[in-house]
């Protein structure tokens, strides 16, 4: 049986890959042939381990985007994901000024 540190390393990598995949946990687990409940357990363990490390600061990756003028309407939906696992699903009809205000409120 693998040691806890090897298991943690295994699940830390899967947690990182899931966050960057854009998939839900369920879809990622199906794609990778992982048990969802096991993934959820280890994802919580990974987060707890990262938060308990001294000087922990979550890695945030920002992407450059262009914002259309205020009178334009975005024609595709927008999904925002956080490293902590939350997701915001915005409708395609959201205006740029509303989107800008929402993004300004995020941590």
N, C-alpha and C. Protein backbone atom coordinates (compact mmCIF):
# COMPACT_ATOMS: atom_id res chain seq x y z
N UNK A 1 0.85 -1.19 0.00
CA UNK A 1 0.00 0.00 0.00
C UNK A 1 0.89 1.24 0.00
N UNK A 2 0.51 2.23 -0.77
CA UNK A 2 1.30 3.45 -0.89
C UNK A 2 1.24 4.26 0.41
N UNK A 3 2.34 4.94 0.70
CA UNK A 3 2.37 5.78 1.90
C UNK A 3 1.44 6.97 1.71
N UNK A 4 1.07 7.60 2.83
CA UNK A 4 0.19 8.77 2.75
C UNK A 4 0.81 9.89 1.94
N UNK A 5 2.14 10.06 2.04
CA UNK A 5 2.77 11.14 1.27
C UNK A 5 2.70 10.87 -0.23
N UNK A 6 2.81 9.59 -0.62
CA UNK A 6 2.68 9.26 -2.04
C UNK A 6 1.23 9.44 -2.50
N UNK A 7 0.29 9.05 -1.66
CA UNK A 7 -1.13 9.25 -1.99
C UNK A 7 -1.43 10.74 -2.12
N UNK A 8 -0.92 11.53 -1.16
CA UNK A 8 -1.16 12.97 -1.19
C UNK A 8 -0.57 13.58 -2.46
N UNK A 9 0.62 13.14 -2.84
CA UNK A 9 1.24 13.65 -4.07
C UNK A 9 0.41 13.28 -5.30
N UNK A 10 -0.08 12.04 -5.33
CA UNK A 10 -0.93 11.57 -6.43
C UNK A 10 -2.18 12.42 -6.55
N UNK A 11 -2.86 12.62 -5.41
CA UNK A 11 -4.12 13.37 -5.43
C UNK A 11 -3.89 14.87 -5.59
N UNK A 12 -2.76 15.38 -5.14
CA UNK A 12 -2.44 16.79 -5.36
C UNK A 12 -2.33 17.06 -6.86
N UNK A 13 -1.69 16.16 -7.57
CA UNK A 13 -1.55 16.32 -9.02
C UNK A 13 -2.92 16.23 -9.70
N UNK A 14 -3.75 15.28 -9.28
CA UNK A 14 -5.10 15.19 -9.87
C UNK A 14 -5.92 16.43 -9.54
N UNK A 15 -5.77 16.96 -8.34
CA UNK A 15 -6.49 18.17 -7.96
C UNK A 15 -6.07 19.33 -8.86
N UNK A 16 -4.76 19.45 -9.09
CA UNK A 16 -4.24 20.51 -9.96
C UNK A 16 -4.75 20.33 -11.40
N UNK A 17 -4.71 19.10 -11.89
CA UNK A 17 -5.18 18.84 -13.25
C UNK A 17 -6.68 19.11 -13.39
N UNK A 18 -7.45 18.75 -12.35
CA UNK A 18 -8.89 19.01 -12.41
C UNK A 18 -9.16 20.51 -12.48
N UNK A 19 -8.47 21.29 -11.62
CA UNK A 19 -8.70 22.74 -11.61
C UNK A 19 -8.38 23.35 -12.97
N UNK A 20 -7.37 22.87 -13.63
CA UNK A 20 -6.99 23.46 -14.92
C UNK A 20 -7.79 22.88 -16.08
N UNK A 21 -8.56 21.82 -15.83
CA UNK A 21 -9.30 21.16 -16.91
C UNK A 21 -10.57 21.91 -17.33
N UNK A 22 -11.16 22.68 -16.41
CA UNK A 22 -12.42 23.33 -16.71
C UNK A 22 -13.62 22.40 -16.58
N UNK A 23 -13.38 21.16 -16.17
CA UNK A 23 -14.46 20.20 -16.00
C UNK A 23 -15.01 20.24 -14.59
N UNK A 24 -16.20 19.71 -14.42
CA UNK A 24 -16.71 19.50 -13.07
C UNK A 24 -15.92 18.35 -12.47
N UNK A 25 -15.98 18.21 -11.15
CA UNK A 25 -15.30 17.09 -10.52
C UNK A 25 -15.83 15.76 -11.05
N UNK A 26 -17.14 15.68 -11.22
CA UNK A 26 -17.75 14.44 -11.71
C UNK A 26 -17.24 14.09 -13.10
N UNK A 27 -17.20 15.07 -13.99
CA UNK A 27 -16.74 14.82 -15.36
C UNK A 27 -15.26 14.47 -15.38
N UNK A 28 -14.46 15.16 -14.57
CA UNK A 28 -13.03 14.86 -14.52
C UNK A 28 -12.80 13.43 -14.03
N UNK A 29 -13.51 13.04 -12.97
CA UNK A 29 -13.34 11.70 -12.43
C UNK A 29 -13.76 10.63 -13.45
N UNK A 30 -14.83 10.89 -14.18
CA UNK A 30 -15.25 9.94 -15.21
C UNK A 30 -14.18 9.82 -16.29
N UNK A 31 -13.63 10.95 -16.70
CA UNK A 31 -12.59 10.98 -17.74
C UNK A 31 -11.33 10.23 -17.28
N UNK A 32 -10.98 10.39 -16.00
CA UNK A 32 -9.74 9.80 -15.46
C UNK A 32 -9.97 8.45 -14.78
N UNK A 33 -11.23 7.97 -14.82
CA UNK A 33 -11.58 6.70 -14.20
C UNK A 33 -11.26 6.68 -12.70
N UNK A 34 -11.68 7.76 -12.02
CA UNK A 34 -11.49 7.90 -10.58
C UNK A 34 -12.84 7.86 -9.89
N UNK A 35 -12.88 7.32 -8.68
CA UNK A 35 -14.11 7.33 -7.90
C UNK A 35 -14.35 8.76 -7.39
N UNK A 36 -15.53 9.31 -7.68
CA UNK A 36 -15.84 10.69 -7.31
C UNK A 36 -15.71 10.91 -5.81
N UNK A 37 -16.24 10.04 -4.99
CA UNK A 37 -16.18 10.22 -3.53
C UNK A 37 -14.73 10.20 -3.03
N UNK A 38 -13.91 9.35 -3.62
CA UNK A 38 -12.49 9.30 -3.24
C UNK A 38 -11.80 10.59 -3.66
N UNK A 39 -12.11 11.07 -4.87
CA UNK A 39 -11.53 12.33 -5.33
C UNK A 39 -11.94 13.47 -4.40
N UNK A 40 -13.23 13.54 -4.04
CA UNK A 40 -13.70 14.60 -3.15
C UNK A 40 -12.97 14.56 -1.81
N UNK A 41 -12.80 13.36 -1.25
CA UNK A 41 -12.10 13.22 0.03
C UNK A 41 -10.67 13.75 -0.09
N UNK A 42 -9.95 13.27 -1.11
CA UNK A 42 -8.55 13.66 -1.24
C UNK A 42 -8.40 15.12 -1.65
N UNK A 43 -9.34 15.66 -2.39
CA UNK A 43 -9.27 17.08 -2.73
C UNK A 43 -9.36 17.92 -1.46
N UNK A 44 -10.24 17.53 -0.54
CA UNK A 44 -10.33 18.23 0.75
C UNK A 44 -9.02 18.09 1.52
N UNK A 45 -8.40 16.91 1.47
CA UNK A 45 -7.12 16.69 2.16
C UNK A 45 -6.03 17.58 1.55
N UNK A 46 -6.03 17.67 0.23
CA UNK A 46 -5.03 18.50 -0.47
C UNK A 46 -5.20 19.96 -0.05
N UNK A 47 -6.44 20.45 -0.06
CA UNK A 47 -6.69 21.84 0.33
C UNK A 47 -6.28 22.09 1.77
N UNK A 48 -6.61 21.16 2.67
CA UNK A 48 -6.26 21.33 4.08
C UNK A 48 -4.74 21.35 4.25
N UNK A 49 -4.05 20.50 3.53
CA UNK A 49 -2.59 20.45 3.61
C UNK A 49 -1.98 21.75 3.11
N UNK A 50 -2.49 22.23 1.98
CA UNK A 50 -1.97 23.48 1.42
C UNK A 50 -2.21 24.66 2.35
N UNK A 51 -3.37 24.71 2.97
CA UNK A 51 -3.70 25.83 3.86
C UNK A 51 -2.89 25.78 5.15
N UNK A 52 -2.51 24.57 5.56
CA UNK A 52 -1.78 24.45 6.82
C UNK A 52 -0.28 24.75 6.65
N UNK A 53 0.19 24.78 5.43
CA UNK A 53 1.60 25.10 5.20
C UNK A 53 1.87 26.55 5.55
N UNK A 54 2.98 26.78 6.22
CA UNK A 54 3.33 28.15 6.60
C UNK A 54 3.53 28.99 5.35
N UNK A 55 2.93 30.16 5.36
CA UNK A 55 3.09 31.08 4.23
C UNK A 55 2.30 30.66 3.01
N UNK A 56 1.30 29.80 3.20
CA UNK A 56 0.51 29.33 2.06
C UNK A 56 -0.20 30.50 1.38
N UNK A 57 -0.04 30.55 0.09
CA UNK A 57 -0.78 31.49 -0.73
C UNK A 57 -1.21 30.75 -1.98
N UNK A 58 -2.52 30.64 -2.23
CA UNK A 58 -2.95 29.90 -3.41
C UNK A 58 -2.43 30.55 -4.68
N UNK A 59 -2.07 29.72 -5.63
CA UNK A 59 -1.59 30.22 -6.91
C UNK A 59 -2.79 30.70 -7.72
N UNK A 60 -2.70 31.91 -8.18
CA UNK A 60 -3.76 32.49 -8.99
C UNK A 60 -3.20 32.76 -10.37
N UNK A 61 -3.88 32.27 -11.38
CA UNK A 61 -3.46 32.50 -12.75
C UNK A 61 -4.49 33.41 -13.40
N UNK A 62 -4.03 34.53 -13.90
CA UNK A 62 -4.92 35.46 -14.58
C UNK A 62 -4.69 35.37 -16.08
N UNK A 63 -5.74 35.52 -16.82
CA UNK A 63 -5.64 35.49 -18.27
C UNK A 63 -6.05 36.84 -18.83
N UNK A 64 -5.34 37.29 -19.84
CA UNK A 64 -5.68 38.56 -20.49
C UNK A 64 -6.97 38.38 -21.28
N UNK A 65 -7.85 39.34 -21.16
CA UNK A 65 -9.11 39.31 -21.92
C UNK A 65 -9.36 40.68 -22.51
N UNK A 66 -10.14 40.72 -23.57
CA UNK A 66 -10.55 42.01 -24.11
C UNK A 66 -12.02 42.20 -23.75
N UNK A 67 -12.37 43.40 -23.38
CA UNK A 67 -13.75 43.70 -22.98
C UNK A 67 -14.38 44.54 -24.08
N UNK A 68 -15.53 44.09 -24.58
CA UNK A 68 -16.21 44.86 -25.62
C UNK A 68 -16.77 46.16 -25.06
N UNK A 69 -17.15 47.08 -25.93
CA UNK A 69 -17.73 48.34 -25.46
C UNK A 69 -19.01 48.10 -24.65
N UNK A 70 -19.40 49.12 -23.85
CA UNK A 70 -20.58 48.97 -22.99
C UNK A 70 -21.86 48.65 -23.76
N UNK A 71 -21.97 49.05 -24.99
CA UNK A 71 -23.20 48.80 -25.73
C UNK A 71 -23.20 47.43 -26.41
N UNK A 72 -22.12 46.67 -26.30
CA UNK A 72 -22.04 45.34 -26.89
C UNK A 72 -22.63 44.31 -25.93
N UNK A 73 -23.07 43.20 -26.48
CA UNK A 73 -23.59 42.11 -25.68
C UNK A 73 -22.73 40.89 -25.96
N UNK A 74 -22.30 40.22 -24.92
CA UNK A 74 -21.49 39.02 -25.06
C UNK A 74 -22.41 37.90 -25.56
N UNK A 75 -21.98 37.18 -26.59
CA UNK A 75 -22.86 36.19 -27.21
C UNK A 75 -22.64 34.75 -26.73
N UNK A 76 -21.63 34.53 -25.93
CA UNK A 76 -21.42 33.19 -25.38
C UNK A 76 -21.42 33.30 -23.86
N UNK A 77 -21.81 32.23 -23.20
CA UNK A 77 -21.80 32.23 -21.74
C UNK A 77 -20.38 32.28 -21.20
N UNK A 78 -20.26 32.66 -19.95
CA UNK A 78 -18.95 32.78 -19.30
C UNK A 78 -18.97 31.92 -18.04
N UNK A 79 -17.92 31.11 -17.87
CA UNK A 79 -17.75 30.31 -16.68
C UNK A 79 -16.51 30.80 -15.95
N UNK A 80 -16.65 31.09 -14.67
CA UNK A 80 -15.51 31.49 -13.84
C UNK A 80 -15.28 30.39 -12.82
N UNK A 81 -14.03 29.94 -12.69
CA UNK A 81 -13.66 28.90 -11.74
C UNK A 81 -12.65 29.45 -10.75
N UNK A 82 -12.72 28.98 -9.52
CA UNK A 82 -11.71 29.36 -8.54
C UNK A 82 -10.88 28.13 -8.18
N UNK A 83 -9.65 28.35 -7.70
CA UNK A 83 -8.84 27.21 -7.26
C UNK A 83 -9.49 26.45 -6.12
N UNK A 84 -10.36 27.13 -5.36
CA UNK A 84 -11.04 26.46 -4.25
C UNK A 84 -12.19 25.58 -4.67
N UNK A 85 -12.55 25.64 -5.94
CA UNK A 85 -13.58 24.75 -6.45
C UNK A 85 -14.92 25.39 -6.76
N UNK A 86 -15.13 26.67 -6.43
CA UNK A 86 -16.43 27.26 -6.76
C UNK A 86 -16.46 27.64 -8.23
N UNK A 87 -17.66 27.81 -8.75
CA UNK A 87 -17.86 28.12 -10.16
C UNK A 87 -19.00 29.11 -10.29
N UNK A 88 -18.82 30.10 -11.14
CA UNK A 88 -19.87 31.07 -11.45
C UNK A 88 -20.19 30.90 -12.92
N UNK A 89 -21.44 30.61 -13.23
CA UNK A 89 -21.91 30.38 -14.59
C UNK A 89 -22.76 31.59 -14.99
N UNK A 90 -22.23 32.44 -15.86
CA UNK A 90 -22.91 33.68 -16.24
C UNK A 90 -23.62 33.50 -17.58
N UNK A 91 -24.78 34.14 -17.74
CA UNK A 91 -25.52 34.01 -19.00
C UNK A 91 -24.83 34.75 -20.14
N UNK A 92 -25.16 34.34 -21.35
CA UNK A 92 -24.57 34.96 -22.54
C UNK A 92 -24.98 36.42 -22.68
N UNK A 93 -26.10 36.80 -22.11
CA UNK A 93 -26.62 38.15 -22.28
C UNK A 93 -26.05 39.17 -21.30
N UNK A 94 -25.11 38.79 -20.49
CA UNK A 94 -24.57 39.73 -19.50
C UNK A 94 -23.83 40.86 -20.21
N UNK A 95 -24.08 42.06 -19.77
CA UNK A 95 -23.42 43.23 -20.37
C UNK A 95 -22.02 43.43 -19.81
N UNK A 96 -21.14 44.05 -20.57
CA UNK A 96 -19.76 44.26 -20.12
C UNK A 96 -19.66 45.06 -18.82
N UNK A 97 -20.53 46.05 -18.62
CA UNK A 97 -20.43 46.84 -17.39
C UNK A 97 -20.80 46.01 -16.17
N UNK A 98 -21.80 45.12 -16.30
CA UNK A 98 -22.19 44.23 -15.20
C UNK A 98 -21.06 43.23 -14.93
N UNK A 99 -20.49 42.69 -16.00
CA UNK A 99 -19.38 41.77 -15.85
C UNK A 99 -18.19 42.43 -15.17
N UNK A 100 -17.89 43.66 -15.58
CA UNK A 100 -16.79 44.39 -14.96
C UNK A 100 -17.01 44.63 -13.48
N UNK A 101 -18.25 44.97 -13.12
CA UNK A 101 -18.58 45.20 -11.71
C UNK A 101 -18.46 43.91 -10.92
N UNK A 102 -18.90 42.79 -11.50
CA UNK A 102 -18.79 41.50 -10.83
C UNK A 102 -17.33 41.12 -10.63
N UNK A 103 -16.51 41.27 -11.65
CA UNK A 103 -15.09 40.92 -11.53
C UNK A 103 -14.38 41.81 -10.50
N UNK A 104 -14.80 43.05 -10.39
CA UNK A 104 -14.18 43.95 -9.42
C UNK A 104 -14.49 43.51 -7.99
N UNK A 105 -15.57 42.78 -7.78
CA UNK A 105 -15.98 42.34 -6.45
C UNK A 105 -15.30 41.04 -6.03
N UNK A 106 -14.72 40.30 -6.97
CA UNK A 106 -14.11 39.02 -6.64
C UNK A 106 -12.80 39.22 -5.89
N UNK A 107 -12.49 38.28 -4.97
CA UNK A 107 -11.24 38.41 -4.20
C UNK A 107 -10.02 38.17 -5.09
